[in-house]
Amino acid sequence: MTKRTLCSGLGALAALMVGHGDGAHAAPPSRPAAVARCQTGQLAIAPDDGEGGVGHLAIIFLIHNRSGRICSLYGYPGAQLLNGNDQPLPTRLTWGSGYLNGNPPRRLVLLAPGTDAYVALEWTHIPTPGQSCPTASFVRITPPNASGSTIVWAGQGGIDACGGALTASPIEPAQFGFGVVPTHERGVVTARG
């Protein structure tokens, strides 16, 4: 018996063992096919909900897939505060944990046509000495890994981020309440409409 025959026989035996039995040796689940990342033109973004507490305010923005194709979002958005004339205001964006939005993990969100994903922008509105808190009527949002951005209304009252400091949450597949981050399986999550 040659090494080649022995290896072929052992491979066939292993395949039979994986295919039978109590499932303890089942093959790993298949990964989803590659899905193109969402482009700005495929998405409509609008303020959805807001919250405040202990000098912190936040707005959840709804990201709606208005295209006829599934696309993916992963990570954090870009954001630039704008005044009522769409002129840039000082903005210092950080990604990650916030007082209100917690510290949800980054995850791949598959956004089917007509479904929604969410992101929160958080800021403080109580200035430190010498700090200003100009109100932004609009915010320019760039979806994660996209090359274009869109100007979005900042909601009733605008965003009065002191020093222009904003904290962005990662994209979430479901709307979340502040301080209560949804629990999902880690990995790929499909948004539901």
Protein backbone atom coordinates (compact mmCIF):
# COMPACT_ATOMS: atom_id res chain seq x y z
CA MET A 1 0.00 0.00 0.00
CA THR A 2 1.40 3.39 -0.98
CA LYS A 3 1.25 6.61 1.04
CA ARG A 4 -1.13 8.06 -1.55
CA THR A 5 -3.60 5.17 -1.19
CA LEU A 6 -3.38 5.33 2.61
CA CYS A 7 -4.04 9.10 2.64
CA SER A 8 -6.98 8.71 0.24
CA GLY A 9 -8.45 5.97 2.41
CA LEU A 10 -8.07 8.01 5.60
CA GLY A 11 -9.65 11.04 3.87
CA ALA A 12 -12.67 8.96 2.82
CA LEU A 13 -12.97 7.54 6.34
CA ALA A 14 -12.86 11.04 7.84
CA ALA A 15 -15.57 12.21 5.41
CA LEU A 16 -17.80 9.30 6.45
CA MET A 17 -17.26 10.07 10.14
CA VAL A 18 -18.17 13.74 9.66
CA GLY A 19 -21.28 12.83 7.68
CA HIS A 20 -22.68 10.38 10.26
CA GLY A 21 -23.17 10.23 13.99
CA ASP A 22 -24.67 12.57 16.57
CA GLY A 23 -23.60 15.84 14.95
CA ALA A 24 -20.70 16.38 17.31
CA HIS A 25 -18.36 16.21 14.32
CA ALA A 26 -20.51 18.25 11.95
CA ALA A 27 -18.78 20.49 9.46
CA PRO A 28 -18.73 24.20 10.33
CA PRO A 29 -21.58 26.31 8.91
CA SER A 30 -20.89 27.90 5.56
CA ARG A 31 -20.05 31.61 5.49
CA PRO A 32 -22.39 33.92 3.57
CA ALA A 33 -21.37 34.86 0.06
CA ALA A 34 -19.52 38.15 -0.23
CA VAL A 35 -21.94 41.08 -0.21
CA ALA A 36 -20.88 44.44 -1.60
CA ARG A 37 -20.57 47.25 0.93
CA CYS A 38 -23.35 49.82 0.98
CA GLN A 39 -22.72 52.95 -1.06
CA THR A 40 -24.07 56.29 0.10
CA GLY A 41 -26.50 56.53 -2.84
CA GLN A 42 -28.19 53.27 -1.77
CA LEU A 43 -29.04 54.65 1.66
CA ALA A 44 -31.45 57.14 3.19
CA ILE A 45 -30.36 58.42 6.62
CA ALA A 46 -32.63 60.26 9.08
CA PRO A 47 -32.84 60.96 12.84
CA ASP A 48 -34.96 58.31 14.56
CA ASP A 49 -34.76 58.69 18.34
CA GLY A 50 -32.94 60.68 20.99
CA GLU A 51 -32.00 60.49 24.65
CA GLY A 52 -30.28 62.53 27.31
CA GLY A 53 -28.84 62.17 30.77
CA VAL A 54 -26.20 63.69 33.06
CA GLY A 55 -25.11 66.33 30.54
CA HIS A 56 -25.01 63.87 27.63
CA LEU A 57 -27.33 63.83 24.61
CA ALA A 58 -27.54 61.41 21.70
CA ILE A 59 -29.47 60.82 18.52
CA ILE A 60 -30.02 57.44 16.90
CA PHE A 61 -29.95 57.74 13.12
CA LEU A 62 -31.89 55.26 10.98
CA ILE A 63 -30.04 54.02 7.89
CA HIS A 64 -32.50 52.67 5.31
CA ASN A 65 -31.52 50.60 2.26
CA ARG A 66 -33.60 52.21 -0.47
CA SER A 67 -31.92 50.25 -3.26
CA GLY A 68 -33.06 46.97 -4.74
CA ARG A 69 -29.86 45.16 -3.69
CA ILE A 70 -28.55 43.73 -0.46
CA CYS A 71 -25.43 45.48 0.83
CA SER A 72 -23.24 45.36 3.92
CA LEU A 73 -22.18 47.83 6.60
CA TYR A 74 -19.38 47.28 9.09
CA GLY A 75 -17.88 49.60 11.64
CA TYR A 76 -18.30 53.29 12.32
CA PRO A 77 -19.61 56.24 10.29
CA GLY A 78 -17.89 59.52 9.63
CA ALA A 79 -19.62 62.72 10.82
CA GLN A 80 -19.12 66.47 10.33
CA LEU A 81 -21.32 69.01 12.14
CA LEU A 82 -22.86 71.72 9.92
CA ASN A 83 -24.63 74.99 10.70
CA GLY A 84 -27.98 76.02 9.20
CA ASN A 85 -26.21 77.09 5.97
CA ASP A 86 -24.45 73.72 5.56
CA GLN A 87 -21.13 75.28 6.62
CA PRO A 88 -18.77 73.09 8.67
CA LEU A 89 -18.58 73.58 12.43
CA PRO A 90 -15.63 72.35 14.51
CA THR A 91 -16.05 68.58 14.85
CA ARG A 92 -13.93 66.05 16.73
CA LEU A 93 -15.32 62.57 16.12
CA THR A 94 -14.30 59.53 18.16
CA TRP A 95 -15.46 55.96 17.64
CA GLY A 96 -16.40 53.63 20.44
CA SER A 97 -18.01 53.67 23.83
CA GLY A 98 -20.19 56.47 25.08
CA TYR A 99 -22.00 57.30 28.28
CA LEU A 100 -25.43 56.64 26.73
CA ASN A 101 -24.72 54.18 23.93
CA GLY A 102 -22.44 51.83 25.87
CA ASN A 103 -19.79 49.88 24.00
CA PRO A 104 -21.43 47.60 21.44
CA PRO A 105 -19.06 45.48 19.34
CA ARG A 106 -18.51 46.10 15.65
CA ARG A 107 -20.35 43.55 13.56
CA LEU A 108 -21.09 42.95 9.90
CA VAL A 109 -24.66 44.02 9.12
CA LEU A 110 -26.29 42.71 5.95
CA LEU A 111 -28.88 45.27 4.89
CA ALA A 112 -31.54 43.77 2.63
CA PRO A 113 -33.58 46.07 0.36
CA GLY A 114 -36.13 48.04 2.38
CA THR A 115 -34.55 47.26 5.76
CA ASP A 116 -32.90 49.48 8.36
CA ALA A 117 -29.74 49.69 10.45
CA TYR A 118 -28.92 52.22 13.18
CA VAL A 119 -26.08 54.33 14.52
CA ALA A 120 -25.90 56.71 17.49
CA LEU A 121 -24.05 60.02 17.76
CA GLU A 122 -23.48 61.17 21.35
CA TRP A 123 -22.16 64.46 22.79
CA THR A 124 -22.03 66.58 25.93
CA HIS A 125 -23.90 69.85 26.02
CA ILE A 126 -22.52 71.39 29.23
CA PRO A 127 -19.42 73.45 28.41
CA THR A 128 -16.21 73.51 30.36
CA PRO A 129 -14.85 77.01 31.10
CA GLY A 130 -14.02 78.80 27.85
CA GLN A 131 -15.64 76.13 25.68
CA SER A 132 -18.43 76.90 23.19
CA CYS A 133 -21.31 74.67 22.15
CA PRO A 134 -22.56 75.93 18.76
CA THR A 135 -25.71 74.22 17.52
CA ALA A 136 -25.47 72.16 14.36
CA SER A 137 -28.70 72.04 12.36
CA PHE A 138 -27.31 69.36 10.08
CA VAL A 139 -24.65 66.65 10.13
CA ARG A 140 -22.76 65.25 7.15
CA ILE A 141 -22.69 61.46 7.61
CA THR A 142 -20.41 59.11 5.70
CA PRO A 143 -21.42 55.44 5.97
CA PRO A 144 -18.59 53.09 7.00
CA ASN A 145 -16.10 52.45 4.19
CA ALA A 146 -18.08 54.62 1.74
CA SER A 147 -16.52 57.29 -0.42
CA GLY A 148 -19.50 59.67 -0.37
CA SER A 149 -21.48 61.39 2.35
CA THR A 150 -24.96 62.81 2.78
CA ILE A 151 -26.28 65.81 4.70
CA VAL A 152 -28.85 64.84 7.33
CA TRP A 153 -31.12 67.01 9.47
CA ALA A 154 -29.87 66.90 13.07
CA GLY A 155 -33.35 66.67 14.53
CA GLN A 156 -35.43 68.99 16.70
CA GLY A 157 -33.04 71.23 18.62
CA GLY A 158 -29.99 70.21 16.59
CA ILE A 159 -26.69 69.00 18.02
CA ASP A 160 -25.02 71.36 20.51
CA ALA A 161 -21.80 69.38 20.97
CA CYS A 162 -19.46 71.32 23.24
CA GLY A 163 -16.08 71.66 21.60
CA GLY A 164 -17.52 69.80 18.60
CA ALA A 165 -16.85 66.48 20.36
CA LEU A 166 -19.00 63.59 19.07
CA THR A 167 -18.83 59.87 19.83
CA ALA A 168 -20.20 57.44 17.22
CA SER A 169 -21.42 53.93 17.93
CA PRO A 170 -20.80 51.15 15.41
CA ILE A 171 -23.59 50.34 12.97
CA GLU A 172 -26.27 48.21 14.67
CA PRO A 173 -28.71 45.85 12.92
CA ALA A 174 -31.60 46.75 15.25
CA GLN A 175 -32.71 49.86 17.06
CA PHE A 176 -31.26 50.01 20.53
CA GLY A 177 -32.22 51.82 23.68
CA PHE A 178 -29.56 53.94 25.30
CA GLY A 179 -27.76 52.14 28.08
CA VAL A 180 -29.31 48.88 26.83
CA VAL A 181 -27.31 47.55 23.91
CA PRO A 182 -29.08 44.76 22.01
CA THR A 183 -27.65 41.31 22.42
CA HIS A 184 -26.97 39.53 19.15
CA GLU A 185 -24.83 36.64 18.16
CA ARG A 186 -21.40 37.90 17.29
CA GLY A 187 -20.53 37.84 13.65
CA VAL A 188 -22.87 38.43 10.72
CA VAL A 189 -26.28 39.87 11.55
CA THR A 190 -29.02 40.49 9.01
CA ALA A 191 -31.09 43.62 9.63
CA ARG A 192 -34.85 43.18 9.74
CA GLY A 193 -37.31 45.72 8.37
